[in-house]
Amino acid sequence: MVARIYRPARSAMQSGKGKVDNWILELAPEVRRTAEPLMGWTSSSNTDQQVRLVFDNRAEAETYAQRNGIPYEVVADPVIRMQRKSYSDNFRWGRPDNWTH
């Protein structure tokens, strides 16, 4: 049972930077999920994969995993690329593509 410590990506519906400083510790599933024959729902006998702990910083998450003897791996932060956008560029003279309504 290896835990994964990572910082979640922002939602597509979120433009601000709220709740992006949290770190999450999730346990990897040990048992493969199976389809239930009657309804077709996927399920597993392992309930550890439902555990999702939220920490304020990476050090707290690592300390928790070490204190409880949980092997873990830290996933690096994704690279954030900022795109410069300006409303006035929509009406700029000589823009590369045509402006349509």
PDB file of N, CA and C in Angstrom:
ATOM      1  N   MET A   1       0.853  -1.168   0.000  1.00  0.00           N
ATOM      2  CA  MET A   1       0.000   0.000   0.000  1.00  0.00           C
ATOM      3  C   MET A   1       0.900   1.233   0.000  1.00  0.00           C
ATOM      4  N   VAL A   2       1.040   1.852  -1.147  1.00  0.00           N
ATOM      5  CA  VAL A   2       1.858   3.051  -1.299  1.00  0.00           C
ATOM      6  C   VAL A   2       0.933   4.256  -1.372  1.00  0.00           C
ATOM      7  N   ALA A   3       1.271   5.277  -0.607  1.00  0.00           N
ATOM      8  CA  ALA A   3       0.475   6.503  -0.621  1.00  0.00           C
ATOM      9  C   ALA A   3       1.062   7.470  -1.639  1.00  0.00           C
ATOM     10  N   ARG A   4       0.201   8.296  -2.174  1.00  0.00           N
ATOM     11  CA  ARG A   4       0.621   9.312  -3.130  1.00  0.00           C
ATOM     12  C   ARG A   4       0.350  10.672  -2.514  1.00  0.00           C
ATOM     13  N   ILE A   5       1.368  11.514  -2.455  1.00  0.00           N
ATOM     14  CA  ILE A   5       1.235  12.865  -1.907  1.00  0.00           C
ATOM     15  C   ILE A   5       1.386  13.832  -3.073  1.00  0.00           C
ATOM     16  N   TYR A   6       0.381  14.666  -3.271  1.00  0.00           N
ATOM     17  CA  TYR A   6       0.409  15.577  -4.401  1.00  0.00           C
ATOM     18  C   TYR A   6      -0.398  16.831  -4.099  1.00  0.00           C
ATOM     19  N   ARG A   7      -0.195  17.842  -4.915  1.00  0.00           N
ATOM     20  CA  ARG A   7      -0.977  19.068  -4.851  1.00  0.00           C
ATOM     21  C   ARG A   7      -1.972  19.013  -6.004  1.00  0.00           C
ATOM     22  N   PRO A   8      -3.277  19.082  -5.729  1.00  0.00           N
ATOM     23  CA  PRO A   8      -4.262  18.928  -6.804  1.00  0.00           C
ATOM     24  C   PRO A   8      -4.243  20.107  -7.770  1.00  0.00           C
ATOM     25  N   ALA A   9      -4.610  19.832  -8.991  1.00  0.00           N
ATOM     26  CA  ALA A   9      -4.697  20.878 -10.007  1.00  0.00           C
ATOM     27  C   ALA A   9      -5.966  21.693  -9.794  1.00  0.00           C
ATOM     28  N   ARG A  10      -5.954  22.900 -10.295  1.00  0.00           N
ATOM     29  CA  ARG A  10      -7.139  23.746 -10.194  1.00  0.00           C
ATOM     30  C   ARG A  10      -8.236  23.209 -11.094  1.00  0.00           C
ATOM     31  N   SER A  11      -9.445  23.490 -10.710  1.00  0.00           N
ATOM     32  CA  SER A  11     -10.591  23.113 -11.513  1.00  0.00           C
ATOM     33  C   SER A  11     -10.656  24.008 -12.752  1.00  0.00           C
ATOM     34  N   ALA A  12     -11.247  23.504 -13.811  1.00  0.00           N
ATOM     35  CA  ALA A  12     -11.402  24.318 -15.013  1.00  0.00           C
ATOM     36  C   ALA A  12     -12.361  25.474 -14.771  1.00  0.00           C
ATOM     37  N   MET A  13     -13.202  25.349 -13.776  1.00  0.00           N
ATOM     38  CA  MET A  13     -14.170  26.390 -13.468  1.00  0.00           C
ATOM     39  C   MET A  13     -13.617  27.411 -12.479  1.00  0.00           C
ATOM     40  N   GLN A  14     -12.379  27.279 -12.107  1.00  0.00           N
ATOM     41  CA  GLN A  14     -11.795  28.121 -11.075  1.00  0.00           C
ATOM     42  C   GLN A  14     -10.708  28.998 -11.677  1.00  0.00           C
ATOM     43  N   SER A  15     -10.862  30.309 -11.532  1.00  0.00           N
ATOM     44  CA  SER A  15      -9.847  31.200 -12.067  1.00  0.00           C
ATOM     45  C   SER A  15      -8.943  31.738 -10.972  1.00  0.00           C
ATOM     46  N   GLY A  16      -9.368  31.660  -9.734  1.00  0.00           N
ATOM     47  CA  GLY A  16      -8.565  32.169  -8.632  1.00  0.00           C
ATOM     48  C   GLY A  16      -7.598  31.138  -8.112  1.00  0.00           C
ATOM     49  N   LYS A  17      -6.905  31.499  -7.052  1.00  0.00           N
ATOM     50  CA  LYS A  17      -5.895  30.614  -6.480  1.00  0.00           C
ATOM     51  C   LYS A  17      -6.319  30.067  -5.123  1.00  0.00           C
ATOM     52  N   GLY A  18      -7.615  30.021  -4.856  1.00  0.00           N
ATOM     53  CA  GLY A  18      -8.098  29.497  -3.592  1.00  0.00           C
ATOM     54  C   GLY A  18      -7.975  27.989  -3.528  1.00  0.00           C
ATOM     55  N   LYS A  19      -7.578  27.478  -2.390  1.00  0.00           N
ATOM     56  CA  LYS A  19      -7.462  26.039  -2.115  1.00  0.00           C
ATOM     57  C   LYS A  19      -6.444  25.325  -2.997  1.00  0.00           C
ATOM     58  N   VAL A  20      -5.459  26.035  -3.512  1.00  0.00           N
ATOM     59  CA  VAL A  20      -4.429  25.362  -4.308  1.00  0.00           C
ATOM     60  C   VAL A  20      -3.183  25.104  -3.484  1.00  0.00           C
ATOM     61  N   ASP A  21      -3.152  25.551  -2.241  1.00  0.00           N
ATOM     62  CA  ASP A  21      -1.994  25.332  -1.393  1.00  0.00           C
ATOM     63  C   ASP A  21      -2.093  24.035  -0.597  1.00  0.00           C
ATOM     64  N   ASN A  22      -3.207  23.340  -0.673  1.00  0.00           N
ATOM     65  CA  ASN A  22      -3.392  22.100   0.072  1.00  0.00           C
ATOM     66  C   ASN A  22      -2.637  20.958  -0.588  1.00  0.00           C
ATOM     67  N   TRP A  23      -2.183  20.032   0.236  1.00  0.00           N
ATOM     68  CA  TRP A  23      -1.544  18.811  -0.232  1.00  0.00           C
ATOM     69  C   TRP A  23      -2.430  17.639   0.155  1.00  0.00           C
ATOM     70  N   ILE A  24      -2.538  16.651  -0.704  1.00  0.00           N
ATOM     71  CA  ILE A  24      -3.441  15.518  -0.487  1.00  0.00           C
ATOM     72  C   ILE A  24      -2.628  14.227  -0.410  1.00  0.00           C
ATOM     73  N   LEU A  25      -2.998  13.387   0.543  1.00  0.00           N
ATOM     74  CA  LEU A  25      -2.404  12.060   0.684  1.00  0.00           C
ATOM     75  C   LEU A  25      -3.495  11.054   0.360  1.00  0.00           C
ATOM     76  N   GLU A  26      -3.284  10.276  -0.689  1.00  0.00           N
ATOM     77  CA  GLU A  26      -4.234   9.240  -1.091  1.00  0.00           C
ATOM     78  C   GLU A  26      -3.524   7.890  -1.096  1.00  0.00           C
ATOM     79  N   LEU A  27      -4.227   6.892  -0.656  1.00  0.00           N
ATOM     80  CA  LEU A  27      -3.678   5.540  -0.679  1.00  0.00           C
ATOM     81  C   LEU A  27      -3.991   4.886  -2.014  1.00  0.00           C
ATOM     82  N   ALA A  28      -3.009   4.228  -2.593  1.00  0.00           N
ATOM     83  CA  ALA A  28      -3.197   3.556  -3.872  1.00  0.00           C
ATOM     84  C   ALA A  28      -4.010   2.287  -3.655  1.00  0.00           C
ATOM     85  N   PRO A  29      -4.846   1.931  -4.605  1.00  0.00           N
ATOM     86  CA  PRO A  29      -5.640   0.705  -4.447  1.00  0.00           C
ATOM     87  C   PRO A  29      -4.775  -0.539  -4.539  1.00  0.00           C
ATOM     88  N   GLU A  30      -5.012  -1.493  -3.621  1.00  0.00           N
ATOM     89  CA  GLU A  30      -4.266  -2.750  -3.627  1.00  0.00           C
ATOM     90  C   GLU A  30      -4.990  -3.817  -4.438  1.00  0.00           C
ATOM     91  N   VAL A  31      -6.319  -3.742  -4.425  1.00  0.00           N
ATOM     92  CA  VAL A  31      -7.138  -4.752  -5.084  1.00  0.00           C
ATOM     93  C   VAL A  31      -7.823  -4.102  -6.285  1.00  0.00           C
ATOM     94  N   ARG A  32      -7.829  -4.813  -7.380  1.00  0.00           N
ATOM     95  CA  ARG A  32      -8.470  -4.295  -8.586  1.00  0.00           C
ATOM     96  C   ARG A  32      -9.985  -4.229  -8.403  1.00  0.00           C
ATOM     97  N   ARG A  33     -10.595  -3.211  -8.957  1.00  0.00           N
ATOM     98  CA  ARG A  33     -12.052  -3.096  -8.888  1.00  0.00           C
ATOM     99  C   ARG A  33     -12.699  -4.101  -9.830  1.00  0.00           C
ATOM    100  N   THR A  34     -13.837  -4.606  -9.406  1.00  0.00           N
ATOM    101  CA  THR A  34     -14.555  -5.582 -10.217  1.00  0.00           C
ATOM    102  C   THR A  34     -15.969  -5.075 -10.474  1.00  0.00           C
ATOM    103  N   ALA A  35     -16.547  -5.520 -11.567  1.00  0.00           N
ATOM    104  CA  ALA A  35     -17.918  -5.151 -11.895  1.00  0.00           C
ATOM    105  C   ALA A  35     -18.878  -6.093 -11.186  1.00  0.00           C
ATOM    106  N   GLU A  36     -19.849  -5.522 -10.528  1.00  0.00           N
ATOM    107  CA  GLU A  36     -20.868  -6.324  -9.852  1.00  0.00           C
ATOM    108  C   GLU A  36     -21.793  -6.898 -10.919  1.00  0.00           C
ATOM    109  N   PRO A  37     -22.084  -8.205 -10.880  1.00  0.00           N
ATOM    110  CA  PRO A  37     -22.782  -8.836 -11.997  1.00  0.00           C
ATOM    111  C   PRO A  37     -24.231  -8.359 -12.206  1.00  0.00           C
ATOM    112  N   LEU A  38     -24.939  -8.024 -11.157  1.00  0.00           N
ATOM    113  CA  LEU A  38     -26.349  -7.679 -11.324  1.00  0.00           C
ATOM    114  C   LEU A  38     -26.534  -6.266 -11.870  1.00  0.00           C
ATOM    115  N   MET A  39     -25.930  -5.273 -11.224  1.00  0.00           N
ATOM    116  CA  MET A  39     -26.138  -3.886 -11.615  1.00  0.00           C
ATOM    117  C   MET A  39     -25.007  -3.338 -12.490  1.00  0.00           C
ATOM    118  N   GLY A  40     -23.846  -3.965 -12.470  1.00  0.00           N
ATOM    119  CA  GLY A  40     -22.738  -3.495 -13.272  1.00  0.00           C
ATOM    120  C   GLY A  40     -21.908  -2.418 -12.604  1.00  0.00           C
ATOM    121  N   TRP A  41     -22.166  -2.124 -11.340  1.00  0.00           N
ATOM    122  CA  TRP A  41     -21.385  -1.114 -10.627  1.00  0.00           C
ATOM    123  C   TRP A  41     -20.001  -1.654 -10.329  1.00  0.00           C
ATOM    124  N   THR A  42     -19.021  -0.784 -10.305  1.00  0.00           N
ATOM    125  CA  THR A  42     -17.674  -1.208  -9.950  1.00  0.00           C
ATOM    126  C   THR A  42     -17.492  -1.062  -8.450  1.00  0.00           C
ATOM    127  N   SER A  43     -16.837  -2.047  -7.867  1.00  0.00           N
ATOM    128  CA  SER A  43     -16.634  -2.025  -6.421  1.00  0.00           C
ATOM    129  C   SER A  43     -15.342  -2.751  -6.089  1.00  0.00           C
ATOM    130  N   SER A  44     -14.938  -2.588  -4.833  1.00  0.00           N
ATOM    131  CA  SER A  44     -13.727  -3.227  -4.357  1.00  0.00           C
ATOM    132  C   SER A  44     -13.918  -3.580  -2.890  1.00  0.00           C
ATOM    133  N   SER A  45     -13.210  -4.589  -2.435  1.00  0.00           N
ATOM    134  CA  SER A  45     -13.310  -4.969  -1.032  1.00  0.00           C
ATOM    135  C   SER A  45     -12.381  -4.139  -0.151  1.00  0.00           C
ATOM    136  N   ASN A  46     -11.487  -3.373  -0.759  1.00  0.00           N
ATOM    137  CA  ASN A  46     -10.535  -2.557  -0.026  1.00  0.00           C
ATOM    138  C   ASN A  46     -11.114  -1.151   0.176  1.00  0.00           C
ATOM    139  N   THR A  47     -11.344  -0.778   1.423  1.00  0.00           N
ATOM    140  CA  THR A  47     -11.899   0.547   1.691  1.00  0.00           C
ATOM    141  C   THR A  47     -10.826   1.599   1.926  1.00  0.00           C
ATOM    142  N   ASP A  48      -9.553   1.202   1.927  1.00  0.00           N
ATOM    143  CA  ASP A  48      -8.479   2.175   2.128  1.00  0.00           C
ATOM    144  C   ASP A  48      -8.380   3.172   0.987  1.00  0.00           C
ATOM    145  N   GLN A  49      -8.837   2.797  -0.193  1.00  0.00           N
ATOM    146  CA  GLN A  49      -8.744   3.707  -1.325  1.00  0.00           C
ATOM    147  C   GLN A  49      -9.747   4.854  -1.230  1.00  0.00           C
ATOM    148  N   GLN A  50     -10.656   4.805  -0.278  1.00  0.00           N
ATOM    149  CA  GLN A  50     -11.600   5.895  -0.068  1.00  0.00           C
ATOM    150  C   GLN A  50     -11.016   6.982   0.825  1.00  0.00           C
ATOM    151  N   VAL A  51      -9.875   6.714   1.449  1.00  0.00           N
ATOM    152  CA  VAL A  51      -9.260   7.666   2.364  1.00  0.00           C
ATOM    153  C   VAL A  51      -8.531   8.735   1.558  1.00  0.00           C
ATOM    154  N   ARG A  52      -8.833   9.992   1.882  1.00  0.00           N
ATOM    155  CA  ARG A  52      -8.184  11.132   1.227  1.00  0.00           C
ATOM    156  C   ARG A  52      -7.961  12.191   2.292  1.00  0.00           C
ATOM    157  N   LEU A  53      -6.711  12.353   2.703  1.00  0.00           N
ATOM    158  CA  LEU A  53      -6.368  13.290   3.764  1.00  0.00           C
ATOM    159  C   LEU A  53      -5.819  14.579   3.166  1.00  0.00           C
ATOM    160  N   VAL A  54      -6.246  15.711   3.716  1.00  0.00           N
ATOM    161  CA  VAL A  54      -5.820  17.016   3.224  1.00  0.00           C
ATOM    162  C   VAL A  54      -4.917  17.658   4.268  1.00  0.00           C
ATOM    163  N   PHE A  55      -3.758  18.178   3.817  1.00  0.00           N
ATOM    164  CA  PHE A  55      -2.794  18.817   4.697  1.00  0.00           C
ATOM    165  C   PHE A  55      -2.503  20.221   4.184  1.00  0.00           C
ATOM    166  N   ASP A  56      -2.035  21.073   5.089  1.00  0.00           N
ATOM    167  CA  ASP A  56      -1.731  22.455   4.718  1.00  0.00           C
ATOM    168  C   ASP A  56      -0.451  22.580   3.914  1.00  0.00           C
ATOM    169  N   ASN A  57       0.507  21.689   4.141  1.00  0.00           N
ATOM    170  CA  ASN A  57       1.753  21.755   3.380  1.00  0.00           C
ATOM    171  C   ASN A  57       2.317  20.348   3.185  1.00  0.00           C
ATOM    172  N   ARG A  58       3.339  20.270   2.369  1.00  0.00           N
ATOM    173  CA  ARG A  58       3.939  18.985   2.009  1.00  0.00           C
ATOM    174  C   ARG A  58       4.623  18.320   3.196  1.00  0.00           C
ATOM    175  N   ALA A  59       5.267  19.122   4.041  1.00  0.00           N
ATOM    176  CA  ALA A  59       5.999  18.560   5.178  1.00  0.00           C
ATOM    177  C   ALA A  59       5.062  17.842   6.143  1.00  0.00           C
ATOM    178  N   GLU A  60       3.885  18.395   6.365  1.00  0.00           N
ATOM    179  CA  GLU A  60       2.914  17.743   7.256  1.00  0.00           C
ATOM    180  C   GLU A  60       2.464  16.397   6.691  1.00  0.00           C
ATOM    181  N   ALA A  61       2.250  16.337   5.391  1.00  0.00           N
ATOM    182  CA  ALA A  61       1.824  15.088   4.768  1.00  0.00           C
ATOM    183  C   ALA A  61       2.918  14.026   4.857  1.00  0.00           C
ATOM    184  N   GLU A  62       4.165  14.435   4.616  1.00  0.00           N
ATOM    185  CA  GLU A  62       5.265  13.482   4.715  1.00  0.00           C
ATOM    186  C   GLU A  62       5.477  13.018   6.148  1.00  0.00           C
ATOM    187  N   THR A  63       5.356  13.932   7.105  1.00  0.00           N
ATOM    188  CA  THR A  63       5.509  13.574   8.519  1.00  0.00           C
ATOM    189  C   THR A  63       4.438  12.576   8.942  1.00  0.00           C
ATOM    190  N   TYR A  64       3.200  12.796   8.484  1.00  0.00           N
ATOM    191  CA  TYR A  64       2.108  11.878   8.814  1.00  0.00           C
ATOM    192  C   TYR A  64       2.389  10.485   8.256  1.00  0.00           C
ATOM    193  N   ALA A  65       2.846  10.415   7.022  1.00  0.00           N
ATOM    194  CA  ALA A  65       3.121   9.113   6.411  1.00  0.00           C
ATOM    195  C   ALA A  65       4.273   8.402   7.118  1.00  0.00           C
ATOM    196  N   GLN A  66       5.315   9.142   7.479  1.00  0.00           N
ATOM    197  CA  GLN A  66       6.447   8.531   8.179  1.00  0.00           C
ATOM    198  C   GLN A  66       6.054   8.080   9.580  1.00  0.00           C
ATOM    199  N   ARG A  67       5.264   8.885  10.280  1.00  0.00           N
ATOM    200  CA  ARG A  67       4.858   8.551  11.642  1.00  0.00           C
ATOM    201  C   ARG A  67       3.993   7.294  11.680  1.00  0.00           C
ATOM    202  N   ASN A  68       3.168   7.086  10.645  1.00  0.00           N
ATOM    203  CA  ASN A  68       2.289   5.925  10.601  1.00  0.00           C
ATOM    204  C   ASN A  68       2.865   4.761   9.799  1.00  0.00           C
ATOM    205  N   GLY A  69       4.102   4.881   9.347  1.00  0.00           N
ATOM    206  CA  GLY A  69       4.760   3.783   8.636  1.00  0.00           C
ATOM    207  C   GLY A  69       4.167   3.513   7.260  1.00  0.00           C
ATOM    208  N   ILE A  70       3.677   4.531   6.594  1.00  0.00           N
ATOM    209  CA  ILE A  70       3.086   4.369   5.269  1.00  0.00           C
ATOM    210  C   ILE A  70       4.139   4.734   4.222  1.00  0.00           C
ATOM    211  N   PRO A  71       4.505   3.804   3.347  1.00  0.00           N
ATOM    212  CA  PRO A  71       5.417   4.186   2.260  1.00  0.00           C
ATOM    213  C   PRO A  71       4.710   5.150   1.319  1.00  0.00           C
ATOM    214  N   TYR A  72       5.439   6.160   0.851  1.00  0.00           N
ATOM    215  CA  TYR A  72       4.794   7.187   0.037  1.00  0.00           C
ATOM    216  C   TYR A  72       5.700   7.642  -1.085  1.00  0.00           C
ATOM    217  N   GLU A  73       5.088   8.266  -2.059  1.00  0.00           N
ATOM    218  CA  GLU A  73       5.828   8.914  -3.143  1.00  0.00           C
ATOM    219  C   GLU A  73       5.213  10.297  -3.344  1.00  0.00           C
ATOM    220  N   VAL A  74       6.081  11.272  -3.579  1.00  0.00           N
ATOM    221  CA  VAL A  74       5.634  12.647  -3.755  1.00  0.00           C
ATOM    222  C   VAL A  74       5.609  12.956  -5.241  1.00  0.00           C
ATOM    223  N   VAL A  75       4.470  13.421  -5.712  1.00  0.00           N
ATOM    224  CA  VAL A  75       4.315  13.797  -7.117  1.00  0.00           C
ATOM    225  C   VAL A  75       4.672  15.273  -7.241  1.00  0.00           C
ATOM    226  N   ALA A  76       5.540  15.592  -8.180  1.00  0.00           N
ATOM    227  CA  ALA A  76       6.000  16.975  -8.352  1.00  0.00           C
ATOM    228  C   ALA A  76       4.859  17.881  -8.792  1.00  0.00           C
ATOM    229  N   ASP A  77       4.985  19.165  -8.454  1.00  0.00           N
ATOM    230  CA  ASP A  77       3.973  20.144  -8.846  1.00  0.00           C
ATOM    231  C   ASP A  77       3.957  20.305 -10.358  1.00  0.00           C
ATOM    232  N   PRO A  78       2.770  20.457 -10.935  1.00  0.00           N
ATOM    233  CA  PRO A  78       2.726  20.722 -12.375  1.00  0.00           C
ATOM    234  C   PRO A  78       3.238  22.132 -12.672  1.00  0.00           C
ATOM    235  N   VAL A  79       3.821  22.286 -13.838  1.00  0.00           N
ATOM    236  CA  VAL A  79       4.342  23.597 -14.235  1.00  0.00           C
ATOM    237  C   VAL A  79       3.171  24.490 -14.625  1.00  0.00           C
ATOM    238  N   ILE A  80       3.118  25.679 -14.033  1.00  0.00           N
ATOM    239  CA  ILE A  80       2.046  26.607 -14.331  1.00  0.00           C
ATOM    240  C   ILE A  80       2.535  27.589 -15.381  1.00  0.00           C
ATOM    241  N   ARG A  81       1.867  27.602 -16.506  1.00  0.00           N
ATOM    242  CA  ARG A  81       2.223  28.517 -17.584  1.00  0.00           C
ATOM    243  C   ARG A  81       1.169  29.610 -17.668  1.00  0.00           C
ATOM    244  N   MET A  82       1.588  30.815 -17.458  1.00  0.00           N
ATOM    245  CA  MET A  82       0.671  31.944 -17.529  1.00  0.00           C
ATOM    246  C   MET A  82       0.639  32.475 -18.963  1.00  0.00           C
ATOM    247  N   GLN A  83      -0.540  32.715 -19.474  1.00  0.00           N
ATOM    248  CA  GLN A  83      -0.690  33.289 -20.793  1.00  0.00           C
ATOM    249  C   GLN A  83      -1.131  34.733 -20.641  1.00  0.00           C
ATOM    250  N   ARG A  84      -0.406  35.608 -21.289  1.00  0.00           N
ATOM    251  CA  ARG A  84      -0.777  37.017 -21.232  1.00  0.00           C
ATOM    252  C   ARG A  84      -1.984  37.235 -22.125  1.00  0.00           C
ATOM    253  N   LYS A  85      -3.037  37.799 -21.559  1.00  0.00           N
ATOM    254  CA  LYS A  85      -4.258  38.053 -22.309  1.00  0.00           C
ATOM    255  C   LYS A  85      -4.667  39.495 -22.100  1.00  0.00           C
ATOM    256  N   SER A  86      -5.142  40.084 -23.134  1.00  0.00           N
ATOM    257  CA  SER A  86      -5.622  41.444 -23.050  1.00  0.00           C
ATOM    258  C   SER A  86      -6.879  41.550 -23.902  1.00  0.00           C
ATOM    259  N   TYR A  87      -7.891  42.177 -23.359  1.00  0.00           N
ATOM    260  CA  TYR A  87      -9.140  42.330 -24.094  1.00  0.00           C
ATOM    261  C   TYR A  87      -8.935  43.189 -25.337  1.00  0.00           C
ATOM    262  N   SER A  88      -8.057  44.171 -25.236  1.00  0.00           N
ATOM    263  CA  SER A  88      -7.839  45.064 -26.372  1.00  0.00           C
ATOM    264  C   SER A  88      -7.166  44.356 -27.547  1.00  0.00           C
ATOM    265  N   ASP A  89      -6.510  43.225 -27.310  1.00  0.00           N
ATOM    266  CA  ASP A  89      -5.893  42.476 -28.408  1.00  0.00           C
ATOM    267  C   ASP A  89      -6.939  41.906 -29.367  1.00  0.00           C
ATOM    268  N   ASN A  90      -8.177  41.769 -28.918  1.00  0.00           N
ATOM    269  CA  ASN A  90      -9.234  41.292 -29.812  1.00  0.00           C
ATOM    270  C   ASN A  90      -9.493  42.268 -30.952  1.00  0.00           C
ATOM    271  N   PHE A  91      -9.203  43.549 -30.747  1.00  0.00           N
ATOM    272  CA  PHE A  91      -9.511  44.580 -31.727  1.00  0.00           C
ATOM    273  C   PHE A  91      -8.247  45.212 -32.304  1.00  0.00           C
ATOM    274  N   ARG A  92      -7.117  44.597 -32.089  1.00  0.00           N
ATOM    275  CA  ARG A  92      -5.838  45.134 -32.535  1.00  0.00           C
ATOM    276  C   ARG A  92      -5.730  45.090 -34.061  1.00  0.00           C
ATOM    277  N   TRP A  93      -5.080  46.133 -34.623  1.00  0.00           N
ATOM    278  CA  TRP A  93      -4.831  46.169 -36.061  1.00  0.00           C
ATOM    279  C   TRP A  93      -3.745  45.154 -36.410  1.00  0.00           C
ATOM    280  N   GLY A  94      -3.986  44.379 -37.473  1.00  0.00           N
ATOM    281  CA  GLY A  94      -2.983  43.439 -37.949  1.00  0.00           C
ATOM    282  C   GLY A  94      -2.896  42.166 -37.112  1.00  0.00           C
ATOM    283  N   ARG A  95      -3.961  41.796 -36.450  1.00  0.00           N
ATOM    284  CA  ARG A  95      -3.908  40.553 -35.691  1.00  0.00           C
ATOM    285  C   ARG A  95      -3.837  39.369 -36.636  1.00  0.00           C
ATOM    286  N   PRO A  96      -3.260  38.249 -36.217  1.00  0.00           N
ATOM    287  CA  PRO A  96      -2.978  37.146 -37.144  1.00  0.00           C
ATOM    288  C   PRO A  96      -4.225  36.439 -37.686  1.00  0.00           C
ATOM    289  N   ASP A  97      -5.308  36.393 -36.963  1.00  0.00           N
ATOM    290  CA  ASP A  97      -6.492  35.727 -37.464  1.00  0.00           C
ATOM    291  C   ASP A  97      -7.669  36.704 -37.501  1.00  0.00           C
ATOM    292  N   ASN A  98      -8.634  36.399 -38.326  1.00  0.00           N
ATOM    293  CA  ASN A  98      -9.771  37.307 -38.503  1.00  0.00           C
ATOM    294  C   ASN A  98     -10.657  37.311 -37.280  1.00  0.00           C
ATOM    295  N   TRP A  99     -11.240  38.470 -37.017  1.00  0.00           N
ATOM    296  CA  TRP A  99     -12.167  38.604 -35.911  1.00  0.00           C
ATOM    297  C   TRP A  99     -13.570  38.363 -36.437  1.00  0.00           C
ATOM    298  N   THR A 100     -14.287  37.467 -35.812  1.00  0.00           N
ATOM    299  CA  THR A 100     -15.650  37.156 -36.265  1.00  0.00           C
ATOM    300  C   THR A 100     -16.592  37.364 -35.104  1.00  0.00           C
ATOM    301  N   HIS A 101     -17.848  37.535 -35.437  1.00  0.00           N
ATOM    302  CA  HIS A 101     -18.864  37.740 -34.397  1.00  0.00           C
ATOM    303  C   HIS A 101     -19.389  36.438 -33.910  1.00  0.00           C
TER     304      HIS A 101
END
